[in-house]
């Protein structure tokens, strides 16, 4: 299984979240789907279509960074 760091500049991610995304109300959350395009994972050996969903989750604004920044693991077909 290969592990990839998908966020290269965490400070830019934090700035985007703080400046662009609206604050959530107590009964609201964001739905996040992280996708990878074929051109970025072509050398991984994984057999995929033009894009693959790496991770999906819900989060409040204050927890987005901690949920996005962990490394993503992709299992190579064997």
PDB file of N, CA and C in Angstrom:
ATOM      1  N   UNK A   1       0.854  -1.177   0.000  1.00  0.00           N
ATOM      2  CA  UNK A   1       0.000   0.000   0.000  1.00  0.00           C
ATOM      3  C   UNK A   1       0.896   1.235   0.000  1.00  0.00           C
ATOM      4  N   UNK A   2       0.596   2.177  -0.881  1.00  0.00           N
ATOM      5  CA  UNK A   2       1.343   3.430  -0.951  1.00  0.00           C
ATOM      6  C   UNK A   2       0.624   4.503  -0.158  1.00  0.00           C
ATOM      7  N   UNK A   3       1.400   5.387   0.447  1.00  0.00           N
ATOM      8  CA  UNK A   3       0.848   6.501   1.211  1.00  0.00           C
ATOM      9  C   UNK A   3       1.290   7.802   0.554  1.00  0.00           C
ATOM     10  N   UNK A   4       0.341   8.730   0.376  1.00  0.00           N
ATOM     11  CA  UNK A   4       0.619   9.991  -0.303  1.00  0.00           C
ATOM     12  C   UNK A   4       0.207  11.165   0.560  1.00  0.00           C
ATOM     13  N   UNK A   5       1.039  12.202   0.535  1.00  0.00           N
ATOM     14  CA  UNK A   5       0.680  13.457   1.190  1.00  0.00           C
ATOM     15  C   UNK A   5      -0.058  14.286   0.147  1.00  0.00           C
ATOM     16  N   UNK A   6      -1.329  14.576   0.386  1.00  0.00           N
ATOM     17  CA  UNK A   6      -2.117  15.256  -0.637  1.00  0.00           C
ATOM     18  C   UNK A   6      -2.134  16.777  -0.475  1.00  0.00           C
ATOM     19  N   UNK A   7      -1.776  17.279   0.682  1.00  0.00           N
ATOM     20  CA  UNK A   7      -1.718  18.728   0.905  1.00  0.00           C
ATOM     21  C   UNK A   7      -0.249  19.117   1.056  1.00  0.00           C
ATOM     22  N   UNK A   8       0.242  19.929   0.132  1.00  0.00           N
ATOM     23  CA  UNK A   8       1.653  20.325   0.154  1.00  0.00           C
ATOM     24  C   UNK A   8       1.892  21.584   0.977  1.00  0.00           C
ATOM     25  N   UNK A   9       0.866  22.444   1.099  1.00  0.00           N
ATOM     26  CA  UNK A   9       1.038  23.703   1.820  1.00  0.00           C
ATOM     27  C   UNK A   9      -0.150  23.883   2.770  1.00  0.00           C
ATOM     28  N   UNK A  10       0.027  23.439   3.995  1.00  0.00           N
ATOM     29  CA  UNK A  10      -1.063  23.480   4.971  1.00  0.00           C
ATOM     30  C   UNK A  10      -1.476  24.907   5.314  1.00  0.00           C
ATOM     31  N   UNK A  11      -0.554  25.850   5.282  1.00  0.00           N
ATOM     32  CA  UNK A  11      -0.916  27.235   5.613  1.00  0.00           C
ATOM     33  C   UNK A  11      -1.862  27.822   4.557  1.00  0.00           C
ATOM     34  N   UNK A  12      -1.692  27.464   3.280  1.00  0.00           N
ATOM     35  CA  UNK A  12      -2.628  27.921   2.253  1.00  0.00           C
ATOM     36  C   UNK A  12      -4.000  27.287   2.421  1.00  0.00           C
ATOM     37  N   UNK A  13      -4.036  26.038   2.827  1.00  0.00           N
ATOM     38  CA  UNK A  13      -5.314  25.379   3.108  1.00  0.00           C
ATOM     39  C   UNK A  13      -6.030  26.085   4.253  1.00  0.00           C
ATOM     40  N   UNK A  14      -5.307  26.373   5.324  1.00  0.00           N
ATOM     41  CA  UNK A  14      -5.903  27.080   6.469  1.00  0.00           C
ATOM     42  C   UNK A  14      -6.421  28.462   6.055  1.00  0.00           C
ATOM     43  N   UNK A  15      -5.655  29.158   5.229  1.00  0.00           N
ATOM     44  CA  UNK A  15      -6.076  30.483   4.771  1.00  0.00           C
ATOM     45  C   UNK A  15      -7.360  30.377   3.942  1.00  0.00           C
ATOM     46  N   UNK A  16      -7.441  29.404   3.051  1.00  0.00           N
ATOM     47  CA  UNK A  16      -8.645  29.190   2.256  1.00  0.00           C
ATOM     48  C   UNK A  16      -9.848  28.929   3.155  1.00  0.00           C
ATOM     49  N   UNK A  17      -9.687  28.040   4.117  1.00  0.00           N
ATOM     50  CA  UNK A  17     -10.792  27.698   5.024  1.00  0.00           C
ATOM     51  C   UNK A  17     -11.228  28.921   5.827  1.00  0.00           C
ATOM     52  N   UNK A  18     -10.272  29.656   6.358  1.00  0.00           N
ATOM     53  CA  UNK A  18     -10.593  30.818   7.195  1.00  0.00           C
ATOM     54  C   UNK A  18     -11.224  31.967   6.402  1.00  0.00           C
ATOM     55  N   UNK A  19     -10.713  32.224   5.196  1.00  0.00           N
ATOM     56  CA  UNK A  19     -11.151  33.403   4.440  1.00  0.00           C
ATOM     57  C   UNK A  19     -12.327  33.150   3.504  1.00  0.00           C
ATOM     58  N   UNK A  20     -12.446  31.946   2.975  1.00  0.00           N
ATOM     59  CA  UNK A  20     -13.429  31.695   1.921  1.00  0.00           C
ATOM     60  C   UNK A  20     -14.667  30.957   2.420  1.00  0.00           C
ATOM     61  N   UNK A  21     -14.483  29.919   3.194  1.00  0.00           N
ATOM     62  CA  UNK A  21     -15.626  29.105   3.610  1.00  0.00           C
ATOM     63  C   UNK A  21     -16.455  29.803   4.681  1.00  0.00           C
ATOM     64  N   UNK A  22     -17.754  29.706   4.605  1.00  0.00           N
ATOM     65  CA  UNK A  22     -18.607  30.327   5.627  1.00  0.00           C
ATOM     66  C   UNK A  22     -18.538  29.530   6.932  1.00  0.00           C
ATOM     67  N   UNK A  23     -18.809  30.201   8.012  1.00  0.00           N
ATOM     68  CA  UNK A  23     -18.904  29.505   9.299  1.00  0.00           C
ATOM     69  C   UNK A  23     -20.149  28.622   9.283  1.00  0.00           C
ATOM     70  N   UNK A  24     -20.066  27.499   9.968  1.00  0.00           N
ATOM     71  CA  UNK A  24     -21.217  26.598  10.026  1.00  0.00           C
ATOM     72  C   UNK A  24     -22.023  26.862  11.291  1.00  0.00           C
ATOM     73  N   UNK A  25     -23.311  26.665  11.168  1.00  0.00           N
ATOM     74  CA  UNK A  25     -24.200  26.731  12.325  1.00  0.00           C
ATOM     75  C   UNK A  25     -24.072  25.405  13.085  1.00  0.00           C
ATOM     76  N   UNK A  26     -24.555  25.333  14.335  1.00  0.00           N
ATOM     77  CA  UNK A  26     -24.428  24.086  15.108  1.00  0.00           C
ATOM     78  C   UNK A  26     -25.038  22.866  14.419  1.00  0.00           C
ATOM     79  N   UNK A  27     -26.051  23.055  13.602  1.00  0.00           N
ATOM     80  CA  UNK A  27     -26.693  21.910  12.929  1.00  0.00           C
ATOM     81  C   UNK A  27     -26.241  21.755  11.477  1.00  0.00           C
ATOM     82  N   UNK A  28     -25.122  22.385  11.077  1.00  0.00           N
ATOM     83  CA  UNK A  28     -24.604  22.312   9.714  1.00  0.00           C
ATOM     84  C   UNK A  28     -23.208  21.707   9.683  1.00  0.00           C
ATOM     85  N   UNK A  29     -22.852  21.202   8.512  1.00  0.00           N
ATOM     86  CA  UNK A  29     -21.489  20.703   8.309  1.00  0.00           C
ATOM     87  C   UNK A  29     -21.164  20.771   6.829  1.00  0.00           C
ATOM     88  N   UNK A  30     -19.900  20.578   6.502  1.00  0.00           N
ATOM     89  CA  UNK A  30     -19.453  20.491   5.121  1.00  0.00           C
ATOM     90  C   UNK A  30     -19.358  19.024   4.737  1.00  0.00           C
ATOM     91  N   UNK A  31     -19.691  18.719   3.476  1.00  0.00           N
ATOM     92  CA  UNK A  31     -19.471  17.378   2.927  1.00  0.00           C
ATOM     93  C   UNK A  31     -18.275  17.494   1.994  1.00  0.00           C
ATOM     94  N   UNK A  32     -17.242  16.722   2.257  1.00  0.00           N
ATOM     95  CA  UNK A  32     -15.996  16.809   1.496  1.00  0.00           C
ATOM     96  C   UNK A  32     -15.764  15.496   0.758  1.00  0.00           C
ATOM     97  N   UNK A  33     -15.425  15.588  -0.509  1.00  0.00           N
ATOM     98  CA  UNK A  33     -15.001  14.437  -1.299  1.00  0.00           C
ATOM     99  C   UNK A  33     -13.652  14.761  -1.917  1.00  0.00           C
ATOM    100  N   UNK A  34     -12.614  14.029  -1.532  1.00  0.00           N
ATOM    101  CA  UNK A  34     -11.279  14.256  -2.079  1.00  0.00           C
ATOM    102  C   UNK A  34     -11.073  13.319  -3.262  1.00  0.00           C
ATOM    103  N   UNK A  35     -10.799  13.887  -4.421  1.00  0.00           N
ATOM    104  CA  UNK A  35     -10.628  13.116  -5.650  1.00  0.00           C
ATOM    105  C   UNK A  35      -9.205  13.264  -6.173  1.00  0.00           C
ATOM    106  N   UNK A  36      -8.707  12.224  -6.809  1.00  0.00           N
ATOM    107  CA  UNK A  36      -7.406  12.273  -7.477  1.00  0.00           C
ATOM    108  C   UNK A  36      -7.635  12.036  -8.959  1.00  0.00           C
ATOM    109  N   UNK A  37      -6.994  12.830  -9.786  1.00  0.00           N
ATOM    110  CA  UNK A  37      -7.098  12.644 -11.231  1.00  0.00           C
ATOM    111  C   UNK A  37      -6.045  11.659 -11.688  1.00  0.00           C
ATOM    112  N   UNK A  38      -6.317  10.981 -12.770  1.00  0.00           N
ATOM    113  CA  UNK A  38      -5.428   9.966 -13.316  1.00  0.00           C
ATOM    114  C   UNK A  38      -4.013  10.478 -13.535  1.00  0.00           C
ATOM    115  N   UNK A  39      -3.863  11.699 -14.019  1.00  0.00           N
ATOM    116  CA  UNK A  39      -2.515  12.195 -14.326  1.00  0.00           C
ATOM    117  C   UNK A  39      -1.630  12.287 -13.085  1.00  0.00           C
ATOM    118  N   UNK A  40      -2.222  12.395 -11.892  1.00  0.00           N
ATOM    119  CA  UNK A  40      -1.427  12.505 -10.675  1.00  0.00           C
ATOM    120  C   UNK A  40      -1.077  11.154 -10.070  1.00  0.00           C
ATOM    121  N   UNK A  41      -1.815  10.115 -10.394  1.00  0.00           N
ATOM    122  CA  UNK A  41      -1.524   8.814  -9.791  1.00  0.00           C
ATOM    123  C   UNK A  41      -1.203   7.749 -10.832  1.00  0.00           C
ATOM    124  N   UNK A  42      -0.941   8.179 -12.052  1.00  0.00           N
ATOM    125  CA  UNK A  42      -0.664   7.257 -13.149  1.00  0.00           C
ATOM    126  C   UNK A  42       0.493   6.314 -12.818  1.00  0.00           C
ATOM    127  N   UNK A  43       1.529   6.778 -12.180  1.00  0.00           N
ATOM    128  CA  UNK A  43       2.689   5.946 -11.863  1.00  0.00           C
ATOM    129  C   UNK A  43       2.521   5.059 -10.647  1.00  0.00           C
ATOM    130  N   UNK A  44       1.358   5.096 -10.001  1.00  0.00           N
ATOM    131  CA  UNK A  44       1.174   4.334  -8.767  1.00  0.00           C
ATOM    132  C   UNK A  44       0.942   2.855  -9.011  1.00  0.00           C
ATOM    133  N   UNK A  45       0.574   2.481 -10.235  1.00  0.00           N
ATOM    134  CA  UNK A  45       0.281   1.085 -10.517  1.00  0.00           C
ATOM    135  C   UNK A  45      -1.164   0.705 -10.250  1.00  0.00           C
ATOM    136  N   UNK A  46      -1.936   1.599  -9.663  1.00  0.00           N
ATOM    137  CA  UNK A  46      -3.348   1.316  -9.383  1.00  0.00           C
ATOM    138  C   UNK A  46      -4.143   1.385 -10.678  1.00  0.00           C
ATOM    139  N   UNK A  47      -5.073   0.467 -10.856  1.00  0.00           N
ATOM    140  CA  UNK A  47      -5.933   0.479 -12.035  1.00  0.00           C
ATOM    141  C   UNK A  47      -7.196   1.253 -11.682  1.00  0.00           C
ATOM    142  N   UNK A  48      -7.346   2.421 -12.307  1.00  0.00           N
ATOM    143  CA  UNK A  48      -8.477   3.294 -11.981  1.00  0.00           C
ATOM    144  C   UNK A  48      -9.041   3.919 -13.243  1.00  0.00           C
ATOM    145  N   UNK A  49     -10.176   4.569 -13.118  1.00  0.00           N
ATOM    146  CA  UNK A  49     -10.725   5.353 -14.213  1.00  0.00           C
ATOM    147  C   UNK A  49     -10.025   6.703 -14.229  1.00  0.00           C
ATOM    148  N   UNK A  50     -10.609   7.692 -14.868  1.00  0.00           N
ATOM    149  CA  UNK A  50      -9.962   9.001 -14.986  1.00  0.00           C
ATOM    150  C   UNK A  50      -9.815   9.719 -13.653  1.00  0.00           C
ATOM    151  N   UNK A  51     -10.612   9.347 -12.662  1.00  0.00           N
ATOM    152  CA  UNK A  51     -10.426   9.893 -11.317  1.00  0.00           C
ATOM    153  C   UNK A  51     -10.896   8.875 -10.293  1.00  0.00           C
ATOM    154  N   UNK A  52     -10.383   9.021  -9.091  1.00  0.00           N
ATOM    155  CA  UNK A  52     -10.722   8.103  -8.018  1.00  0.00           C
ATOM    156  C   UNK A  52     -11.035   8.911  -6.767  1.00  0.00           C
ATOM    157  N   UNK A  53     -12.044   8.485  -6.025  1.00  0.00           N
ATOM    158  CA  UNK A  53     -12.363   9.151  -4.763  1.00  0.00           C
ATOM    159  C   UNK A  53     -11.463   8.568  -3.681  1.00  0.00           C
ATOM    160  N   UNK A  54     -10.663   9.426  -3.076  1.00  0.00           N
ATOM    161  CA  UNK A  54      -9.728   8.981  -2.054  1.00  0.00           C
ATOM    162  C   UNK A  54     -10.366   8.913  -0.676  1.00  0.00           C
ATOM    163  N   UNK A  55     -11.218   9.871  -0.413  1.00  0.00           N
ATOM    164  CA  UNK A  55     -11.793   9.971   0.921  1.00  0.00           C
ATOM    165  C   UNK A  55     -13.035  10.840   0.845  1.00  0.00           C
ATOM    166  N   UNK A  56     -14.047  10.529   1.657  1.00  0.00           N
ATOM    167  CA  UNK A  56     -15.215  11.406   1.786  1.00  0.00           C
ATOM    168  C   UNK A  56     -15.615  11.444   3.250  1.00  0.00           C
ATOM    169  N   UNK A  57     -16.058  12.613   3.672  1.00  0.00           N
ATOM    170  CA  UNK A  57     -16.391  12.794   5.082  1.00  0.00           C
ATOM    171  C   UNK A  57     -17.186  14.075   5.263  1.00  0.00           C
ATOM    172  N   UNK A  58     -17.746  14.241   6.439  1.00  0.00           N
ATOM    173  CA  UNK A  58     -18.386  15.495   6.833  1.00  0.00           C
ATOM    174  C   UNK A  58     -17.549  16.128   7.932  1.00  0.00           C
ATOM    175  N   UNK A  59     -17.634  17.443   8.030  1.00  0.00           N
ATOM    176  CA  UNK A  59     -16.835  18.136   9.034  1.00  0.00           C
ATOM    177  C   UNK A  59     -17.380  19.535   9.269  1.00  0.00           C
ATOM    178  N   UNK A  60     -17.142  20.029  10.461  1.00  0.00           N
ATOM    179  CA  UNK A  60     -17.373  21.442  10.732  1.00  0.00           C
ATOM    180  C   UNK A  60     -16.135  22.206  10.264  1.00  0.00           C
ATOM    181  N   UNK A  61     -16.264  23.494  10.144  1.00  0.00           N
ATOM    182  CA  UNK A  61     -15.157  24.323   9.648  1.00  0.00           C
ATOM    183  C   UNK A  61     -13.906  24.182  10.519  1.00  0.00           C
ATOM    184  N   UNK A  62     -14.084  24.132  11.821  1.00  0.00           N
ATOM    185  CA  UNK A  62     -12.935  24.094  12.724  1.00  0.00           C
ATOM    186  C   UNK A  62     -12.172  22.759  12.698  1.00  0.00           C
ATOM    187  N   UNK A  63     -12.743  21.702  12.123  1.00  0.00           N
ATOM    188  CA  UNK A  63     -12.053  20.401  12.085  1.00  0.00           C
ATOM    189  C   UNK A  63     -11.601  19.996  10.682  1.00  0.00           C
ATOM    190  N   UNK A  64     -11.826  20.864   9.688  1.00  0.00           N
ATOM    191  CA  UNK A  64     -11.489  20.502   8.313  1.00  0.00           C
ATOM    192  C   UNK A  64     -10.015  20.175   8.119  1.00  0.00           C
ATOM    193  N   UNK A  65      -9.127  21.002   8.629  1.00  0.00           N
ATOM    194  CA  UNK A  65      -7.692  20.782   8.405  1.00  0.00           C
ATOM    195  C   UNK A  65      -7.252  19.442   8.968  1.00  0.00           C
ATOM    196  N   UNK A  66      -7.645  19.127  10.171  1.00  0.00           N
ATOM    197  CA  UNK A  66      -7.206  17.861  10.769  1.00  0.00           C
ATOM    198  C   UNK A  66      -7.762  16.649  10.033  1.00  0.00           C
ATOM    199  N   UNK A  67      -8.909  16.797   9.366  1.00  0.00           N
ATOM    200  CA  UNK A  67      -9.471  15.675   8.617  1.00  0.00           C
ATOM    201  C   UNK A  67      -8.893  15.561   7.215  1.00  0.00           C
ATOM    202  N   UNK A  68      -8.426  16.662   6.633  1.00  0.00           N
ATOM    203  CA  UNK A  68      -7.887  16.644   5.276  1.00  0.00           C
ATOM    204  C   UNK A  68      -6.407  16.291   5.251  1.00  0.00           C
ATOM    205  N   UNK A  69      -5.638  16.749   6.205  1.00  0.00           N
ATOM    206  CA  UNK A  69      -4.184  16.650   6.109  1.00  0.00           C
ATOM    207  C   UNK A  69      -3.548  15.291   6.384  1.00  0.00           C
ATOM    208  N   UNK A  70      -4.202  14.313   6.999  1.00  0.00           N
ATOM    209  CA  UNK A  70      -3.504  13.021   7.151  1.00  0.00           C
ATOM    210  C   UNK A  70      -3.165  12.434   5.793  1.00  0.00           C
ATOM    211  N   UNK A  71      -2.143  11.611   5.767  1.00  0.00           N
ATOM    212  CA  UNK A  71      -1.747  10.973   4.507  1.00  0.00           C
ATOM    213  C   UNK A  71      -2.821   9.988   4.063  1.00  0.00           C
ATOM    214  N   UNK A  72      -2.994   9.880   2.762  1.00  0.00           N
ATOM    215  CA  UNK A  72      -3.977   9.009   2.156  1.00  0.00           C
ATOM    216  C   UNK A  72      -3.277   7.746   1.657  1.00  0.00           C
ATOM    217  N   UNK A  73      -3.835   6.581   1.972  1.00  0.00           N
ATOM    218  CA  UNK A  73      -3.260   5.318   1.516  1.00  0.00           C
ATOM    219  C   UNK A  73      -4.077   4.771   0.353  1.00  0.00           C
ATOM    220  N   UNK A  74      -3.380   4.307  -0.671  1.00  0.00           N
ATOM    221  CA  UNK A  74      -4.015   3.692  -1.835  1.00  0.00           C
ATOM    222  C   UNK A  74      -3.458   2.282  -1.967  1.00  0.00           C
ATOM    223  N   UNK A  75      -4.336   1.323  -1.982  1.00  0.00           N
ATOM    224  CA  UNK A  75      -3.917  -0.071  -2.106  1.00  0.00           C
ATOM    225  C   UNK A  75      -3.672  -0.386  -3.577  1.00  0.00           C
ATOM    226  N   UNK A  76      -2.477  -0.878  -3.871  1.00  0.00           N
ATOM    227  CA  UNK A  76      -2.146  -1.283  -5.225  1.00  0.00           C
ATOM    228  C   UNK A  76      -2.780  -2.640  -5.508  1.00  0.00           C
ATOM    229  N   UNK A  77      -3.371  -2.799  -6.694  1.00  0.00           N
ATOM    230  CA  UNK A  77      -3.935  -4.109  -7.017  1.00  0.00           C
ATOM    231  C   UNK A  77      -2.834  -5.141  -7.119  1.00  0.00           C
ATOM    232  N   UNK A  78      -3.095  -6.315  -6.629  1.00  0.00           N
ATOM    233  CA  UNK A  78      -2.032  -7.322  -6.604  1.00  0.00           C
ATOM    234  C   UNK A  78      -2.420  -8.492  -7.342  1.00  0.00           C
TER     235      UNK A  78
END
